[in-house]
Amino acid sequence: MSTTRVIRSHRLPGSEHVRHACCASVLAAALVAVPFVPGPASGQSAEALNEQASQLVTARRYADALPLYQRALALRESDLAPDHPDTAQALTNLAQL
């Protein structure tokens, strides 16, 4: 299973869930996988990382979301032009954190 698929298949619960402790192992796996996101699928990987980071922000786990947003931005910058809308969105996500 690809790293992107692993990250996407382990969605964190939304803010309607009271307990997020059950997600600790999933988060740990996602953070370990971040450096190994493959280049050819980096657009999908960046999207998956942004989705996970967004879930962490919803859970107010900002420190955990930071490396995911940073990696997503790095992937976008390496694949797309600096003024591409997806690169700008990744930068905005990071800035809003």
C-alpha atoms as a PDB file:
ATOM      1  CA  MET A   1       0.000   0.000   0.000  1.00  0.00           C
ATOM      2  CA  SER A   2       1.398   3.404  -0.919  1.00  0.00           C
ATOM      3  CA  THR A   3       2.253   5.956   1.736  1.00  0.00           C
ATOM      4  CA  THR A   4      -0.433   8.280   0.397  1.00  0.00           C
ATOM      5  CA  ARG A   5      -3.033   5.562   0.670  1.00  0.00           C
ATOM      6  CA  VAL A   6      -1.954   4.772   4.243  1.00  0.00           C
ATOM      7  CA  ILE A   7      -2.195   8.423   5.273  1.00  0.00           C
ATOM      8  CA  ARG A   8      -5.596   8.851   3.617  1.00  0.00           C
ATOM      9  CA  SER A   9      -7.020   5.615   4.996  1.00  0.00           C
ATOM     10  CA  HIS A  10      -6.441   6.737   8.569  1.00  0.00           C
ATOM     11  CA  ARG A  11      -8.615   9.810   8.820  1.00  0.00           C
ATOM     12  CA  LEU A  12      -8.862  11.360  12.219  1.00  0.00           C
ATOM     13  CA  PRO A  13     -12.317  11.911  13.674  1.00  0.00           C
ATOM     14  CA  GLY A  14     -13.826  15.334  13.296  1.00  0.00           C
ATOM     15  CA  SER A  15     -14.481  17.797  16.076  1.00  0.00           C
ATOM     16  CA  GLU A  16     -17.745  16.050  16.943  1.00  0.00           C
ATOM     17  CA  HIS A  17     -15.706  13.333  18.630  1.00  0.00           C
ATOM     18  CA  VAL A  18     -14.824  14.019  22.233  1.00  0.00           C
ATOM     19  CA  ARG A  19     -11.833  11.688  22.456  1.00  0.00           C
ATOM     20  CA  HIS A  20      -8.910  11.942  20.113  1.00  0.00           C
ATOM     21  CA  ALA A  21      -6.587   9.673  22.098  1.00  0.00           C
ATOM     22  CA  CYS A  22      -7.560   6.782  19.827  1.00  0.00           C
ATOM     23  CA  CYS A  23      -5.864   8.630  16.978  1.00  0.00           C
ATOM     24  CA  ALA A  24      -2.411   8.754  18.574  1.00  0.00           C
ATOM     25  CA  SER A  25      -1.125   5.673  16.782  1.00  0.00           C
ATOM     26  CA  VAL A  26      -2.513   6.880  13.451  1.00  0.00           C
ATOM     27  CA  LEU A  27      -0.884  10.267  13.898  1.00  0.00           C
ATOM     28  CA  ALA A  28       2.414   8.652  14.812  1.00  0.00           C
ATOM     29  CA  ALA A  29       2.273   6.509  11.662  1.00  0.00           C
ATOM     30  CA  ALA A  30       1.460   9.531   9.499  1.00  0.00           C
ATOM     31  CA  LEU A  31       4.323  11.546  10.951  1.00  0.00           C
ATOM     32  CA  VAL A  32       6.759   8.675  10.415  1.00  0.00           C
ATOM     33  CA  ALA A  33       5.548   8.300   6.815  1.00  0.00           C
ATOM     34  CA  VAL A  34       5.878  12.000   5.926  1.00  0.00           C
ATOM     35  CA  PRO A  35       9.554  11.851   4.835  1.00  0.00           C
ATOM     36  CA  PHE A  36       8.827   8.861   2.604  1.00  0.00           C
ATOM     37  CA  VAL A  37       6.024  10.364   0.534  1.00  0.00           C
ATOM     38  CA  PRO A  38       6.996   9.469  -3.033  1.00  0.00           C
ATOM     39  CA  GLY A  39       7.752  12.184  -5.563  1.00  0.00           C
ATOM     40  CA  PRO A  40       5.574  10.987  -8.488  1.00  0.00           C
ATOM     41  CA  ALA A  41       2.451  10.935  -6.352  1.00  0.00           C
ATOM     42  CA  SER A  42       3.370  14.058  -4.438  1.00  0.00           C
ATOM     43  CA  GLY A  43       0.256  15.973  -5.519  1.00  0.00           C
ATOM     44  CA  GLN A  44      -1.966  13.329  -3.966  1.00  0.00           C
ATOM     45  CA  SER A  45       0.402  13.045  -1.011  1.00  0.00           C
ATOM     46  CA  ALA A  46       0.261  16.801  -0.412  1.00  0.00           C
ATOM     47  CA  GLU A  47      -3.522  16.672  -0.496  1.00  0.00           C
ATOM     48  CA  ALA A  48      -3.598  13.751   1.945  1.00  0.00           C
ATOM     49  CA  LEU A  49      -1.172  15.528   4.287  1.00  0.00           C
ATOM     50  CA  ASN A  50      -3.298  18.681   4.165  1.00  0.00           C
ATOM     51  CA  GLU A  51      -6.407  16.647   5.007  1.00  0.00           C
ATOM     52  CA  GLN A  52      -4.705  15.057   8.013  1.00  0.00           C
ATOM     53  CA  ALA A  53      -3.314  18.395   9.190  1.00  0.00           C
ATOM     54  CA  SER A  54      -6.753  19.968   8.878  1.00  0.00           C
ATOM     55  CA  GLN A  55      -8.192  17.228  11.068  1.00  0.00           C
ATOM     56  CA  LEU A  56      -5.479  17.896  13.646  1.00  0.00           C
ATOM     57  CA  VAL A  57      -6.221  21.627  13.597  1.00  0.00           C
ATOM     58  CA  THR A  58      -9.888  20.814  14.183  1.00  0.00           C
ATOM     59  CA  ALA A  59      -8.774  18.794  17.207  1.00  0.00           C
ATOM     60  CA  ARG A  60      -6.600  21.771  18.283  1.00  0.00           C
ATOM     61  CA  ARG A  61      -3.422  19.713  17.905  1.00  0.00           C
ATOM     62  CA  TYR A  62      -1.501  22.488  16.222  1.00  0.00           C
ATOM     63  CA  ALA A  63       2.005  21.193  16.989  1.00  0.00           C
ATOM     64  CA  ASP A  64       1.103  17.873  15.392  1.00  0.00           C
ATOM     65  CA  ALA A  65      -0.375  19.584  12.319  1.00  0.00           C
ATOM     66  CA  LEU A  66       2.700  21.741  11.707  1.00  0.00           C
ATOM     67  CA  PRO A  67       5.035  19.090  10.178  1.00  0.00           C
ATOM     68  CA  LEU A  68       2.230  17.805   7.959  1.00  0.00           C
ATOM     69  CA  TYR A  69       1.485  21.280   6.594  1.00  0.00           C
ATOM     70  CA  GLN A  70       5.220  21.923   6.148  1.00  0.00           C
ATOM     71  CA  ARG A  71       5.724  18.696   4.185  1.00  0.00           C
ATOM     72  CA  ALA A  72       2.640  19.394   2.051  1.00  0.00           C
ATOM     73  CA  LEU A  73       4.029  22.841   1.210  1.00  0.00           C
ATOM     74  CA  ALA A  74       7.442  21.375   0.370  1.00  0.00           C
ATOM     75  CA  LEU A  75       5.810  18.871  -1.981  1.00  0.00           C
ATOM     76  CA  ARG A  76       3.777  21.583  -3.688  1.00  0.00           C
ATOM     77  CA  GLU A  77       6.812  23.848  -4.061  1.00  0.00           C
ATOM     78  CA  SER A  78       8.889  21.049  -5.569  1.00  0.00           C
ATOM     79  CA  ASP A  79       6.213  20.087  -8.127  1.00  0.00           C
ATOM     80  CA  LEU A  80       4.460  23.350  -8.958  1.00  0.00           C
ATOM     81  CA  ALA A  81       5.317  26.958  -9.661  1.00  0.00           C
ATOM     82  CA  PRO A  82       5.527  29.290  -6.647  1.00  0.00           C
ATOM     83  CA  ASP A  83       2.492  31.194  -7.919  1.00  0.00           C
ATOM     84  CA  HIS A  84       0.389  28.081  -8.572  1.00  0.00           C
ATOM     85  CA  PRO A  85      -2.948  28.126  -6.662  1.00  0.00           C
ATOM     86  CA  ASP A  86      -2.203  24.799  -4.945  1.00  0.00           C
ATOM     87  CA  THR A  87       1.147  26.095  -3.714  1.00  0.00           C
ATOM     88  CA  ALA A  88      -0.540  29.276  -2.493  1.00  0.00           C
ATOM     89  CA  GLN A  89      -3.203  27.228  -0.673  1.00  0.00           C
ATOM     90  CA  ALA A  90      -0.552  25.098   1.041  1.00  0.00           C
ATOM     91  CA  LEU A  91       1.233  28.269   2.162  1.00  0.00           C
ATOM     92  CA  THR A  92      -2.052  29.742   3.389  1.00  0.00           C
ATOM     93  CA  ASN A  93      -2.811  26.600   5.389  1.00  0.00           C
ATOM     94  CA  LEU A  94       0.568  26.837   7.068  1.00  0.00           C
ATOM     95  CA  ALA A  95       0.228  30.582   7.701  1.00  0.00           C
ATOM     96  CA  GLN A  96      -3.207  30.169   9.297  1.00  0.00           C
ATOM     97  CA  LEU A  97      -1.827  27.639  11.739  1.00  0.00           C
END
